[in-house]
Protein backbone atom coordinates (compact mmCIF):
# COMPACT_ATOMS: atom_id res chain seq x y z
CA MET A 1 -33.35 46.29 14.06
CA SER A 2 -33.64 49.02 11.44
CA LEU A 3 -32.32 48.66 7.90
CA LEU A 4 -29.53 51.14 8.69
CA THR A 5 -28.42 49.32 11.85
CA ASP A 6 -28.50 46.03 9.94
CA ALA A 7 -26.36 47.49 7.13
CA LEU A 8 -23.84 48.92 9.58
CA ASP A 9 -23.63 45.59 11.40
CA ARG A 10 -22.97 43.81 8.08
CA ILE A 11 -20.22 46.29 7.24
CA GLU A 12 -18.66 45.74 10.67
CA THR A 13 -18.82 41.96 10.23
CA TRP A 14 -17.09 42.18 6.85
CA LEU A 15 -14.38 44.46 8.25
CA VAL A 16 -13.75 42.10 11.17
CA SER A 17 -13.32 39.22 8.71
CA HIS A 18 -11.16 41.05 6.15
CA GLN A 19 -9.61 44.05 7.92
CA PRO A 20 -9.65 43.26 11.65
CA GLU A 21 -6.91 45.78 12.49
CA PHE A 22 -9.02 48.54 10.96
CA ALA A 23 -12.19 47.26 12.61
CA LEU A 24 -10.45 47.65 15.97
CA SER A 25 -9.74 51.31 15.16
CA LEU A 26 -13.47 52.09 15.03
CA ALA A 27 -14.31 54.15 18.10
CA PRO A 28 -17.08 52.97 20.45
CA GLY A 29 -20.54 54.32 19.71
CA LEU A 30 -22.26 57.13 21.58
CA THR A 31 -25.43 56.98 23.63
CA ARG A 32 -28.33 59.21 22.65
CA GLN A 33 -27.64 61.33 25.71
CA GLU A 34 -23.98 61.75 24.74
CA ILE A 35 -24.97 62.79 21.22
CA ASP A 36 -27.48 65.34 22.56
CA ALA A 37 -24.80 66.82 24.83
CA ILE A 38 -22.30 67.11 21.95
CA VAL A 39 -24.79 68.84 19.61
CA GLU A 40 -26.32 71.04 22.28
CA ASN A 41 -25.26 74.22 20.46
CA PHE A 42 -25.74 72.92 16.92
CA PRO A 43 -28.47 75.01 15.22
CA TYR A 44 -30.30 72.13 13.53
CA ARG A 45 -31.97 68.97 14.71
CA LEU A 46 -30.10 65.77 13.83
CA PRO A 47 -32.03 63.21 11.78
CA GLU A 48 -32.66 59.85 13.43
CA GLU A 49 -30.25 58.19 10.99
CA LEU A 50 -27.34 60.15 12.48
CA TYR A 51 -28.30 59.00 15.98
CA GLU A 52 -28.11 55.42 14.73
CA PHE A 53 -24.90 56.08 12.80
CA TYR A 54 -23.01 57.60 15.72
CA GLY A 55 -24.57 55.12 18.11
CA TRP A 56 -22.80 52.46 16.01
CA HIS A 57 -19.30 53.98 16.04
CA ASN A 58 -18.06 57.49 16.68
CA GLY A 59 -15.50 57.73 13.86
CA CYS A 60 -12.32 55.76 13.30
CA GLN A 61 -8.59 56.23 13.68
CA TYR A 62 -7.69 55.16 10.13
CA GLY A 63 -9.15 53.34 7.13
CA TYR A 64 -12.64 53.77 5.74
CA ILE A 65 -16.10 52.29 5.97
CA VAL A 66 -17.03 53.49 2.47
CA PRO A 67 -14.12 52.93 0.04
CA LYS A 68 -12.20 56.02 -1.06
CA PHE A 69 -13.59 58.11 1.83
CA ASP A 70 -10.59 57.77 4.13
CA ASN A 71 -11.97 59.96 6.93
CA PHE A 72 -14.95 58.76 8.97
CA PHE A 73 -15.35 61.78 11.25
CA SER A 74 -16.35 61.46 14.86
CA LEU A 75 -19.31 63.64 15.74
CA GLN A 76 -16.95 66.07 17.47
CA GLU A 77 -14.75 66.26 14.35
CA ALA A 78 -17.81 66.69 12.13
CA LEU A 79 -18.89 69.72 14.19
CA LYS A 80 -15.39 71.19 14.05
CA TRP A 81 -15.30 70.89 10.26
CA TYR A 82 -18.81 72.35 10.12
CA ALA A 83 -17.60 75.47 11.95
CA ASP A 84 -14.51 75.69 9.73
CA PHE A 85 -16.53 75.45 6.50
CA LEU A 86 -18.84 78.24 7.63
CA SER A 87 -15.95 80.46 8.73
CA TRP A 88 -14.02 80.05 5.47
CA GLY A 89 -16.63 82.13 3.70
CA PHE A 90 -17.42 79.97 0.69
CA ASP A 91 -20.94 78.90 -0.23
CA TRP A 92 -21.51 76.18 2.36
CA ASN A 93 -25.08 75.12 3.10
CA PRO A 94 -25.44 75.52 6.89
CA GLN A 95 -27.61 72.40 7.03
CA TRP A 96 -24.83 70.16 5.71
CA LEU A 97 -22.94 68.09 8.29
CA THR A 98 -19.94 66.26 6.81
CA ILE A 99 -19.50 62.69 8.03
CA LEU A 100 -17.20 61.16 5.37
CA ASP A 101 -14.30 62.81 3.57
CA PHE A 102 -11.58 61.94 1.07
CA ASN A 103 -8.30 63.65 1.91
CA GLY A 104 -10.05 67.01 2.15
CA ASP A 105 -10.81 66.93 -1.59
CA TYR A 106 -14.44 65.82 -1.59
CA ARG A 107 -16.95 64.68 0.99
CA TYR A 108 -20.35 63.24 1.87
CA ALA A 109 -22.59 65.45 4.02
CA VAL A 110 -25.95 64.66 5.63
CA VAL A 111 -28.74 67.25 5.55
CA THR A 112 -29.80 68.18 9.08
CA GLY A 113 -32.91 69.93 10.35
CA GLU A 114 -35.32 67.86 8.21
CA ASP A 115 -37.08 64.53 8.55
CA SER A 116 -35.53 63.23 5.35
CA ALA A 117 -31.72 63.16 5.42
CA PRO A 118 -30.34 62.94 1.87
CA ILE A 119 -26.60 62.54 1.34
CA TRP A 120 -24.92 65.30 -0.66
CA PHE A 121 -21.65 64.87 -2.52
CA ILE A 122 -19.53 68.03 -2.42
CA ASP A 123 -16.37 68.51 -4.50
CA PRO A 124 -15.36 72.19 -4.19
CA GLU A 125 -12.49 71.96 -6.67
CA CYS A 126 -14.70 70.61 -9.44
CA GLY A 127 -17.69 72.69 -8.42
CA ILE A 128 -19.91 69.66 -7.77
CA GLU A 129 -22.73 69.82 -5.23
CA GLU A 130 -25.41 67.19 -5.77
CA ILE A 131 -27.59 64.70 -3.94
CA ARG A 132 -26.11 61.22 -4.37
CA TRP A 133 -28.29 59.19 -2.01
CA ASP A 134 -31.82 59.70 -0.70
CA SER A 135 -30.72 58.57 2.76
CA LEU A 136 -27.79 57.36 4.83
CA THR A 137 -29.55 54.00 4.92
CA ASP A 138 -29.35 53.65 1.13
CA LEU A 139 -25.63 54.49 1.14
CA MET A 140 -24.82 51.94 3.84
CA LEU A 141 -27.04 49.21 2.37
CA ALA A 142 -25.24 49.64 -0.97
CA THR A 143 -21.83 49.63 0.74
CA ALA A 144 -22.63 46.46 2.71
CA GLU A 145 -23.75 44.64 -0.43
CA CYS A 146 -20.68 45.79 -2.38
CA TYR A 147 -18.46 44.31 0.31
CA GLU A 148 -20.39 41.06 0.63
CA THR A 149 -20.64 40.38 -3.13
CA GLY A 150 -17.01 41.20 -3.95
CA ALA A 151 -17.85 44.36 -5.87
CA TYR A 152 -15.28 45.89 -3.52
CA TYR A 153 -12.20 43.68 -3.38
CA PHE A 154 -8.47 43.71 -2.61
CA ASP A 155 -5.92 43.63 -5.40
CA ASP A 156 -2.66 41.65 -5.24
CA GLU A 157 -0.95 44.47 -3.37
CA GLY A 158 -3.69 44.72 -0.76
CA TYR A 159 -5.35 47.88 -2.08
CA MET A 160 -9.12 48.19 -2.21
CA GLU A 161 -10.49 48.16 -5.76
CA ALA A 162 -13.99 48.40 -7.19
CA GLY A 163 -15.55 46.32 -9.93
CA GLU A 164 -17.19 49.28 -11.65
CA GLN A 165 -19.98 47.35 -13.36
CA LYS A 166 -20.92 45.41 -10.20
CA VAL A 167 -20.81 48.54 -8.08
CA ALA A 168 -22.98 50.44 -10.58
CA GLU A 169 -25.61 47.66 -10.54
CA ILE A 170 -25.75 47.64 -6.74
CA HIS A 171 -25.86 51.43 -6.57
CA ARG A 172 -28.82 51.51 -8.96
CA LYS A 173 -30.59 49.00 -6.71
CA TYR A 174 -30.37 51.49 -3.84
CA ASN A 175 -31.40 54.57 -5.83
CA TYR A 176 -27.97 56.10 -6.43
CA ARG A 177 -28.45 59.54 -8.00
CA GLY A 178 -24.93 60.29 -9.19
CA ARG A 179 -23.64 59.91 -12.72
CA GLU A 180 -22.30 56.45 -13.38
CA LYS A 181 -18.72 55.98 -14.52
CA SER A 182 -18.14 54.61 -17.96
CA THR A 183 -17.20 50.93 -17.87
CA THR A 184 -15.73 50.90 -21.38
CA ASN A 185 -12.28 49.34 -21.79
CA GLU A 186 -11.33 51.68 -24.60
CA SER A 187 -8.22 53.68 -23.82
CA TYR A 188 -7.39 57.12 -25.09
CA ASN A 189 -4.04 57.57 -26.79
CA PRO A 190 -3.12 61.27 -26.92
CA GLU A 191 -0.15 60.67 -29.22
CA LEU A 192 -0.66 61.37 -32.91
CA PRO A 193 0.06 58.46 -35.28
CA THR A 194 3.46 58.62 -36.99
CA VAL A 195 5.46 56.54 -39.44
CA ALA A 196 7.31 54.85 -36.55
CA SER A 197 4.13 53.91 -34.70
CA GLU A 198 3.00 51.87 -37.69
CA VAL A 199 6.21 49.81 -37.98
CA ASP A 200 5.92 46.15 -37.03
CA LEU A 201 9.21 44.99 -35.46
CA SER A 202 8.64 41.44 -36.69
CA HIS A 203 8.50 42.57 -40.33
CA PRO A 204 11.61 41.79 -42.47
CA ASN A 205 11.86 45.45 -43.57
CA ALA A 206 11.47 46.89 -40.05
CA LEU A 207 15.05 48.19 -39.91
CA GLU A 208 14.77 50.14 -43.16
CA GLU A 209 11.35 51.48 -42.24
CA LEU A 210 12.54 52.72 -38.85
CA ILE A 211 15.64 54.36 -40.30
CA GLN A 212 13.40 56.18 -42.77
CA ALA A 213 11.15 57.20 -39.88
CA LEU A 214 14.07 59.03 -38.26
CA GLN A 215 13.98 61.50 -41.16
CA ALA A 216 10.23 61.40 -41.80
CA ALA A 217 8.42 64.62 -42.68
CA PRO A 218 5.43 65.87 -40.63
CA LEU A 219 2.39 63.69 -41.21
CA SER A 220 -0.53 65.55 -39.69
CA PRO A 221 -1.92 69.07 -40.14
CA ASP A 222 -2.73 68.98 -36.40
CA ALA A 223 0.88 68.20 -35.62
CA GLY A 224 1.97 71.10 -37.84
CA MET A 225 -0.35 73.46 -35.96
CA LEU A 226 1.01 72.25 -32.62
CA GLN A 227 4.50 72.78 -33.96
CA GLY A 228 3.69 76.41 -34.79
CA MET A 229 2.22 77.01 -31.34
CA ALA A 230 5.37 75.60 -29.74
CA ALA A 231 7.57 77.88 -31.86
CA ASN A 232 5.51 80.97 -30.92
CA THR A 233 5.67 80.08 -27.23
CA LEU A 234 9.44 79.63 -27.39
CA ASP A 235 9.79 83.01 -29.09
CA ASN A 236 7.65 84.65 -26.41
CA LEU A 237 9.71 83.10 -23.61
CA ALA A 238 12.91 84.34 -25.25
CA ASN A 239 11.52 87.86 -25.81
CA LEU A 240 10.44 88.10 -22.19
CA GLY A 241 13.85 86.93 -21.00
CA LEU A 242 12.36 83.84 -19.29
CA ALA A 243 13.90 81.07 -21.38
CA ASN A 244 16.90 80.64 -19.07
CA GLN A 245 15.08 81.05 -15.76
CA VAL A 246 15.24 78.24 -13.19
CA GLY A 247 12.09 76.16 -13.50
CA VAL A 248 11.40 77.12 -17.12
CA GLU A 249 13.94 74.67 -18.55
CA PRO A 250 11.61 71.62 -18.60
CA LEU A 251 8.96 73.70 -20.39
CA VAL A 252 11.47 74.87 -22.99
CA ILE A 253 12.69 71.30 -23.53
CA GLY A 254 9.12 70.05 -23.97
CA LEU A 255 8.33 72.78 -26.49
CA GLN A 256 11.51 72.06 -28.43
CA ASN A 257 10.63 68.39 -28.60
CA ILE A 258 7.19 69.24 -30.01
CA LEU A 259 8.82 71.59 -32.48
CA TYR A 260 11.42 69.14 -33.74
CA ASP A 261 9.73 65.77 -33.30
CA ASN A 262 6.18 65.88 -34.56
CA ALA A 263 7.01 63.12 -37.02
CA GLY A 264 7.78 60.58 -34.26
CA HIS A 265 11.57 60.43 -34.57
CA ALA A 266 11.89 59.61 -30.86
CA LEU A 267 9.67 56.57 -31.24
CA ALA A 268 11.73 55.43 -34.21
CA ALA A 269 14.91 55.74 -32.16
CA LYS A 270 13.35 53.73 -29.34
CA LYS A 271 12.10 50.97 -31.65
CA LEU A 272 15.51 50.62 -33.29
CA GLY A 273 16.86 49.54 -29.92
CA GLU A 274 14.00 47.09 -29.41
CA LEU A 275 14.67 45.62 -32.85
CA GLY A 276 18.12 44.50 -31.69
CA ASP A 277 19.76 44.77 -35.13
CA ILE A 278 23.40 45.91 -35.00
CA ARG A 279 22.93 47.69 -38.34
CA ALA A 280 20.93 50.32 -36.44
CA VAL A 281 24.08 51.62 -34.68
CA GLU A 282 25.11 54.13 -37.37
CA PRO A 283 21.70 55.82 -37.76
CA LEU A 284 21.37 55.94 -33.98
CA LEU A 285 24.79 57.58 -33.66
CA GLN A 286 23.61 60.20 -36.14
CA ALA A 287 20.47 60.66 -34.04
CA LEU A 288 22.66 61.80 -31.12
CA SER A 289 22.83 65.14 -32.97
CA ASP A 290 19.06 65.42 -33.50
CA ARG A 291 17.51 68.72 -32.43
CA SER A 292 14.98 66.90 -30.25
CA SER A 293 16.35 65.89 -26.84
CA GLU A 294 13.82 63.07 -26.66
CA VAL A 295 15.31 61.61 -29.84
CA ARG A 296 18.80 61.91 -28.33
CA THR A 297 17.85 60.21 -25.04
CA ASN A 298 16.04 57.38 -26.86
CA ALA A 299 19.01 56.95 -29.17
CA ILE A 300 21.36 56.61 -26.18
CA GLU A 301 19.12 54.01 -24.57
CA SER A 302 18.89 52.04 -27.82
CA LEU A 303 22.67 52.11 -28.28
CA VAL A 304 23.04 50.58 -24.82
CA LYS A 305 20.65 47.80 -25.79
CA LEU A 306 22.69 47.10 -28.91
CA GLY A 307 25.89 47.07 -26.82
CA ASP A 308 28.26 48.23 -29.57
CA SER A 309 31.42 49.88 -28.18
CA ARG A 310 31.46 52.39 -31.06
CA ALA A 311 28.83 54.29 -29.09
CA VAL A 312 31.04 54.99 -26.04
CA GLU A 313 32.96 58.00 -27.39
CA PRO A 314 29.89 59.73 -28.90
CA ILE A 315 27.96 59.18 -25.66
CA ILE A 316 30.86 60.70 -23.69
CA GLN A 317 30.32 63.81 -25.77
CA CYS A 318 26.68 63.80 -24.66
CA LEU A 319 27.84 64.58 -21.11
CA GLN A 320 28.10 68.16 -22.39
CA ASP A 321 24.60 68.22 -23.91
CA ALA A 322 22.47 71.30 -23.26
CA ASP A 323 19.61 69.14 -21.94
CA PHE A 324 20.11 67.63 -18.48
CA PHE A 325 17.87 64.69 -19.43
CA VAL A 326 20.39 63.77 -22.13
CA ARG A 327 23.33 64.23 -19.73
CA THR A 328 21.57 62.03 -17.19
CA LYS A 329 20.94 59.30 -19.74
CA ALA A 330 24.52 59.54 -21.02
CA ALA A 331 25.96 59.00 -17.51
CA TRP A 332 23.75 55.97 -17.02
CA ALA A 333 24.73 54.58 -20.42
CA LEU A 334 28.46 54.93 -19.77
CA ALA A 335 28.09 52.97 -16.53
CA GLU A 336 26.21 50.27 -18.44
CA PHE A 337 28.98 50.02 -21.05
CA GLY A 338 31.59 49.87 -18.27
CA ASP A 339 34.35 51.25 -20.51
CA THR A 340 37.03 52.82 -18.28
CA GLN A 341 37.75 55.56 -20.80
CA ALA A 342 34.56 57.18 -19.50
CA ILE A 343 35.90 57.67 -15.94
CA GLU A 344 37.84 60.89 -16.50
CA PRO A 345 35.09 62.52 -18.59
CA LEU A 346 32.57 61.60 -15.87
CA ILE A 347 34.79 63.14 -13.17
CA GLU A 348 35.12 66.26 -15.29
CA ALA A 349 31.36 66.40 -15.86
CA LEU A 350 30.75 66.03 -12.12
CA SER A 351 32.87 69.11 -11.42
CA HIS A 352 30.63 71.47 -13.41
CA GLU A 353 27.19 69.82 -13.31
CA ASN A 354 24.60 72.07 -11.60
CA GLN A 355 21.42 70.04 -12.08
CA SER A 356 20.62 67.48 -9.37
CA THR A 357 19.24 64.69 -11.57
CA ALA A 358 22.25 64.70 -13.88
CA CYS A 359 24.69 65.15 -10.99
CA GLY A 360 23.19 62.16 -9.20
CA ALA A 361 23.40 60.05 -12.36
CA ILE A 362 27.08 60.95 -12.85
CA ALA A 363 27.88 60.11 -9.21
CA SER A 364 26.08 56.77 -9.50
CA ALA A 365 27.98 55.99 -12.70
CA LEU A 366 31.31 56.68 -11.02
CA GLY A 367 30.31 54.41 -8.16
CA LYS A 368 29.70 51.54 -10.58
CA PHE A 369 33.23 51.93 -11.94
CA GLY A 370 34.59 51.76 -8.37
CA ASP A 371 37.68 53.76 -9.31
CA VAL A 372 39.60 55.36 -6.42
CA GLY A 373 40.24 58.39 -8.60
CA ALA A 374 36.60 59.34 -8.12
CA ILE A 375 36.80 59.44 -4.32
CA GLU A 376 37.94 63.03 -3.85
CA PRO A 377 35.57 64.51 -6.48
CA LEU A 378 32.66 62.63 -4.88
CA ILE A 379 33.66 63.80 -1.40
CA ALA A 380 33.86 67.37 -2.68
CA VAL A 381 30.26 67.12 -3.90
CA PHE A 382 29.21 65.52 -0.62
CA ARG A 383 30.69 68.34 1.47
CA SER A 384 29.36 71.11 -0.76
CA ASN A 385 25.88 70.84 0.77
CA GLY A 386 24.51 71.53 -2.70
CA SER A 387 25.90 75.05 -3.03
CA PHE A 388 26.70 74.39 -6.71
CA LEU A 389 23.16 73.33 -7.63
CA ARG A 390 20.61 75.50 -9.37
CA ASP A 391 18.08 74.19 -6.84
CA VAL A 392 19.81 73.69 -3.49
CA SER A 393 16.73 71.98 -2.01
CA SER A 394 17.32 69.00 -4.34
CA PHE A 395 20.71 68.21 -2.75
CA PRO A 396 19.41 65.13 -0.82
CA HIS A 397 18.94 63.45 -4.23
CA VAL A 398 22.60 64.09 -5.03
CA GLN A 399 23.75 63.15 -1.53
CA LEU A 400 21.98 59.79 -1.77
CA ALA A 401 23.64 59.09 -5.13
CA VAL A 402 27.07 60.03 -3.74
CA VAL A 403 26.58 57.76 -0.71
CA HIS A 404 25.53 54.97 -3.04
CA ALA A 405 28.68 55.52 -5.11
CA LEU A 406 31.07 55.71 -2.15
CA ARG A 407 29.89 52.42 -0.70
CA PHE A 408 31.19 50.65 -3.82
CA ILE A 409 34.71 52.05 -3.32
CA ASP A 410 36.17 50.30 -0.26
CA ASP A 411 38.75 52.77 0.99
CA SER A 412 39.52 54.39 4.34
CA ARG A 413 38.60 57.79 2.88
CA THR A 414 35.11 56.61 1.89
CA THR A 415 34.63 55.00 5.31
CA ASP A 416 35.58 58.28 7.01
CA ILE A 417 33.12 60.32 4.97
CA LEU A 418 30.30 57.84 5.61
CA VAL A 419 30.97 58.03 9.35
CA GLU A 420 31.01 61.80 9.02
CA LEU A 421 27.47 61.69 7.63
CA LEU A 422 26.21 59.85 10.72
CA LYS A 423 28.02 62.16 13.13
CA ASP A 424 26.97 65.38 11.42
CA LYS A 425 23.66 65.82 13.21
CA GLU A 426 23.09 69.32 11.89
CA GLY A 427 23.69 68.17 8.33
CA MET A 428 21.40 65.19 8.85
CA LEU A 429 18.66 67.41 10.24
CA GLN A 430 18.97 69.77 7.29
CA ALA A 431 18.76 66.82 4.87
CA ILE A 432 15.66 65.51 6.66
CA LYS A 433 13.99 68.92 6.34
CA ARG A 434 14.71 68.98 2.62
CA ASP A 435 13.75 65.38 1.81
CA TRP A 436 13.13 62.98 4.70
CA LEU A 437 12.75 59.90 2.48
CA ARG A 438 16.07 60.29 0.65
CA SER A 439 17.76 61.19 3.92
CA GLU A 440 16.49 57.95 5.44
CA GLN A 441 17.65 55.99 2.38
CA ALA A 442 21.12 57.56 2.61
CA THR A 443 21.34 56.76 6.33
CA HIS A 444 20.26 53.19 5.62
CA GLN A 445 22.95 52.73 2.95
CA VAL A 446 25.65 54.23 5.20
CA ILE A 447 24.76 51.88 8.07
CA GLU A 448 24.72 48.83 5.80
CA THR A 449 28.11 49.75 4.35
CA LEU A 450 29.71 50.36 7.73
CA LEU A 451 28.33 47.07 9.00
CA THR A 452 29.87 45.30 6.03
CA ARG A 453 33.20 47.04 6.70
CA GLN A 454 32.88 46.15 10.41
CA TYR A 455 33.36 49.71 11.61
CA PRO A 456 33.98 49.26 15.37
CA ASP A 457 32.10 52.29 16.76
CA LEU A 458 28.97 51.97 14.62
CA LEU A 459 26.60 50.65 17.30
CA GLU A 460 27.66 53.34 19.75
CA ILE A 461 27.02 56.07 17.15
CA LEU A 462 23.59 54.64 16.31
CA ALA A 463 22.63 54.33 19.98
CA GLN A 464 23.46 58.01 20.45
CA LEU A 465 21.36 58.97 17.43
CA LEU A 466 18.40 56.99 18.76
CA GLN A 467 18.62 59.00 21.98
CA ASP A 468 19.18 62.37 20.31
CA SER A 469 17.15 65.32 21.58
CA GLU A 470 15.82 65.94 18.06
CA SER A 471 12.95 63.50 17.34
CA ARG A 472 13.44 63.74 13.58
CA ILE A 473 16.96 62.35 13.91
CA GLN A 474 15.67 59.55 16.13
CA THR A 475 12.95 58.68 13.61
CA ASN A 476 15.33 58.86 10.65
CA THR A 477 17.79 56.51 12.37
CA LEU A 478 15.16 54.04 13.55
CA SER A 479 13.56 53.81 10.11
CA ALA A 480 16.98 53.20 8.56
CA ILE A 481 18.08 50.41 10.92
CA ALA A 482 14.65 48.73 10.79
CA LYS A 483 15.28 47.82 7.14
CA ILE A 484 18.59 46.08 7.89
CA ALA A 485 18.45 42.33 8.55
CA ASN A 486 21.67 42.21 10.58
CA PRO A 487 20.88 40.78 14.08
CA LEU A 488 22.91 43.58 15.70
CA MET A 489 20.07 45.91 14.76
CA VAL A 490 17.69 43.98 17.02
CA ASP A 491 19.61 45.16 20.09
CA LEU A 492 19.11 48.75 18.97
CA LEU A 493 15.39 48.21 18.40
CA ILE A 494 15.05 46.70 21.87
CA LEU A 495 17.00 49.66 23.28
CA THR A 496 14.46 52.00 21.68
CA LEU A 497 11.63 50.38 23.67
CA ALA A 498 12.88 52.40 26.65
CA SER A 499 12.66 55.72 24.77
CA LYS A 500 10.65 58.60 26.22
CA ASN A 501 9.16 59.12 22.77
CA ASP A 502 6.00 56.97 22.60
CA TRP A 503 5.82 57.16 18.80
CA LEU A 504 9.38 55.86 18.60
CA ARG A 505 8.56 53.03 21.02
CA LYS A 506 5.54 52.02 18.96
CA SER A 507 7.64 52.01 15.81
CA ALA A 508 10.30 49.84 17.45
CA MET A 509 7.60 47.40 18.60
CA TYR A 510 6.18 47.24 15.08
CA TYR A 511 9.59 46.49 13.56
CA LEU A 512 10.37 43.84 16.19
CA GLY A 513 7.05 42.20 15.46
CA GLN A 514 7.77 42.20 11.74
CA ARG A 515 11.00 40.35 12.44
CA GLY A 516 9.32 37.86 14.79
CA GLU A 517 12.38 38.31 16.99
CA THR A 518 12.03 36.07 20.07
CA ARG A 519 14.71 38.03 21.97
CA ALA A 520 12.16 40.83 22.10
CA ILE A 521 9.44 38.79 23.85
CA GLN A 522 10.32 39.74 27.43
CA PRO A 523 11.00 43.43 26.65
CA LEU A 524 7.61 43.57 24.91
CA ILE A 525 5.90 41.86 27.86
CA ASN A 526 7.43 44.48 30.16
CA ILE A 527 5.45 47.16 28.27
CA LEU A 528 2.05 45.54 28.83
CA PRO A 529 1.40 47.16 32.24
CA ASP A 530 1.87 50.63 30.68
CA VAL A 531 -1.03 53.04 31.25
CA ASN A 532 -0.90 54.04 27.56
CA ALA A 533 -3.39 51.77 25.75
CA ASP A 534 -1.82 52.52 22.36
CA LEU A 535 1.50 51.12 23.60
CA ARG A 536 -0.19 48.02 25.01
CA LEU A 537 -1.99 47.52 21.71
CA GLU A 538 1.25 47.74 19.70
CA ALA A 539 3.00 45.37 22.12
CA VAL A 540 0.23 42.78 21.73
CA HIS A 541 0.35 43.25 17.95
CA ALA A 542 4.10 42.56 17.98
CA LEU A 543 3.81 39.55 20.30
CA ALA A 544 1.15 38.12 17.97
CA LYS A 545 3.92 37.56 15.38
CA MET A 546 5.74 35.28 17.84
CA ASN A 547 4.77 31.99 19.47
CA GLY A 548 5.44 29.87 22.51
CA ASP A 549 3.84 29.25 25.90
CA GLN A 550 5.02 32.55 27.34
CA VAL A 551 3.38 34.52 24.53
CA VAL A 552 0.12 32.55 24.70
CA ASN A 553 -0.10 33.05 28.48
CA VAL A 554 0.37 36.79 28.12
CA LEU A 555 -2.18 37.08 25.31
CA ILE A 556 -4.76 35.18 27.36
CA GLU A 557 -4.20 37.63 30.20
CA MET A 558 -4.66 40.59 27.81
CA LEU A 559 -8.19 39.36 27.01
CA LYS A 560 -9.07 41.12 30.29
CA ASP A 561 -7.58 44.48 29.33
CA GLU A 562 -9.74 47.54 29.92
CA ASP A 563 -9.33 48.74 26.30
CA PHE A 564 -11.48 46.88 23.75
CA ARG A 565 -8.83 47.29 21.06
CA VAL A 566 -6.26 45.43 23.17
CA ARG A 567 -8.77 42.68 23.97
CA GLY A 568 -9.67 42.36 20.30
CA GLU A 569 -6.02 42.27 19.19
CA ALA A 570 -5.27 39.57 21.78
CA ALA A 571 -8.25 37.48 20.62
CA LEU A 572 -7.20 37.88 16.99
CA ALA A 573 -3.66 36.75 17.85
CA LEU A 574 -4.83 33.73 19.84
CA GLY A 575 -7.00 32.61 16.95
CA ASN A 576 -4.06 32.84 14.57
CA LEU A 577 -1.69 31.02 16.94
CA ALA A 578 -4.28 28.22 17.33
CA ASN A 579 -3.08 27.09 20.75
CA LEU A 580 -5.79 24.96 22.37
CA ARG A 581 -5.18 26.50 25.79
CA ALA A 582 -6.84 29.65 24.44
CA VAL A 583 -10.23 28.01 23.79
CA GLU A 584 -11.70 28.31 27.29
CA PRO A 585 -10.52 31.92 27.87
CA LEU A 586 -11.89 32.91 24.45
CA ASN A 587 -15.27 31.32 25.24
CA LYS A 588 -15.51 33.57 28.27
CA CYS A 589 -15.18 36.61 25.97
CA LEU A 590 -18.22 35.82 23.81
CA GLU A 591 -20.22 38.25 25.93
CA ASP A 592 -17.72 41.09 25.66
CA GLU A 593 -19.31 44.55 25.72
CA SER A 594 -17.73 45.39 22.34
CA SER A 595 -19.48 43.96 19.27
CA ILE A 596 -16.18 43.99 17.39
CA VAL A 597 -14.42 41.97 20.10
CA ARG A 598 -17.31 39.48 20.19
CA LYS A 599 -17.05 38.95 16.42
CA ILE A 600 -13.27 38.57 16.52
CA VAL A 601 -13.57 36.06 19.39
CA GLN A 602 -16.16 34.03 17.48
CA GLN A 603 -13.95 33.95 14.39
CA ALA A 604 -11.00 32.88 16.54
CA LEU A 605 -13.03 30.02 18.02
CA ASN A 606 -14.21 28.99 14.56
CA LYS A 607 -10.58 28.37 13.61
CA PHE A 608 -10.28 25.77 16.36
CA GLU A 609 -13.35 23.96 15.06
């Protein structure tokens, strides 16, 4: 066994132990004859290391064998990308064959046509082209050791992380040629020091110091220079007639904040809220008139923390602020105070707001009050389809906020408009095109609300949506109901198993597995004879989350499936279920033709020991 084959086998063993689902997505390796046939028209001779590499596995469906490189190309894909790179006309070395890639941003390529096969790192955006490894063997030996020693590890959320110092030591051991990352813990703070940043909140004079900081003069020559640059830029924008253009507003706001707040007034306003001293209310109320919008938004937030009702009326006035960030914060603050005198001003503000973030915040605030007087104004916004917005494409953000608000006002009118959203397929499709995630969230909230209100025709409407001719509506509906714990949703998920859309069926299987819903066992078993191996694989994966004799019997039978991924998934499930009846069938699989299946089977048997 060569060093490269040994390293690849160690990587595979680690993946089987720690990421078995990914390990099963590794495609079977190619024979030498298959490789020769695929590269028949390739102009350069492949190095022996690539024969070993693609004899191990011919790419993978998802995941990565070297962290951060999320595309392990099959040999066919590598040749396709090779042709694309040459045709795009940039300076691509024709001897480079890309095997690993990160999201199209940077890649590892092997040099072909030579006995030595160094690995080049190419990052077109940053203009980097350099040899990182003398050979593919060195790269894989380093990767295997990083896995085995914990230099690569999973964080609490399941994401792969790297211990930079450990990784650097291992890379040096295998002749890594790239520049090492700095392992210093020092952080860079781009903000200039101000009077407020030096105030200690635990100090007895903190209140006085922070109040003084609100009126502090500029402290730094650098800050003064930046202030002048901001002023010149604002003048130029005004002279060119661009200051009021859509899209320029955030830039103008940022420049104004630099111009008016280089002494750190915003930080002072924020710290006054953290201090929690009621004597800060008056200076914070004065700060609501500050020329810096960042000072105004921080002052509003601090006034909410202090909870003094004197702030309600001044914050109502902030609903008319020129900066939509301030209007947004004001709407949120009024909902937090819960003072009903804010309802009418909020309704009035909703009628003329043309910025989606602020409009959404106002709608959400009205929802928290739950006042029936807000129903018609909210419905008017809902039915407008965003025609009043400066950026119509941002309407799904507003629509989601309106839906969220309407669900808190239990009234026949709000029920009718929520039903209207589900029945308006054209509107739903348009919302999905604009922002599929917010559309899904809105659909989810509508369904939950109608379930709570026991709307009688809900299940019939949802069943129709799941069978709609437009796949995006089907997907949107399925994703929404999958997040709802109500057992009635299980019937709809089971119904989806009969869909003609294989992707939808796989999704329904996944969600049923996540629920561990035993009612789904027989419908899932009915899918196992399907000719589509991907569907069989997903069915086994779902059944693995359930238990019982029927499930164990079926999983044992799937150890004989023609697809190695299905066999491996079944073995993995039987090991986790730990039913002794699986021991003998698993022993018979120790000679499986797939190395991954053999390793999964051995690990499953080890659990019984």
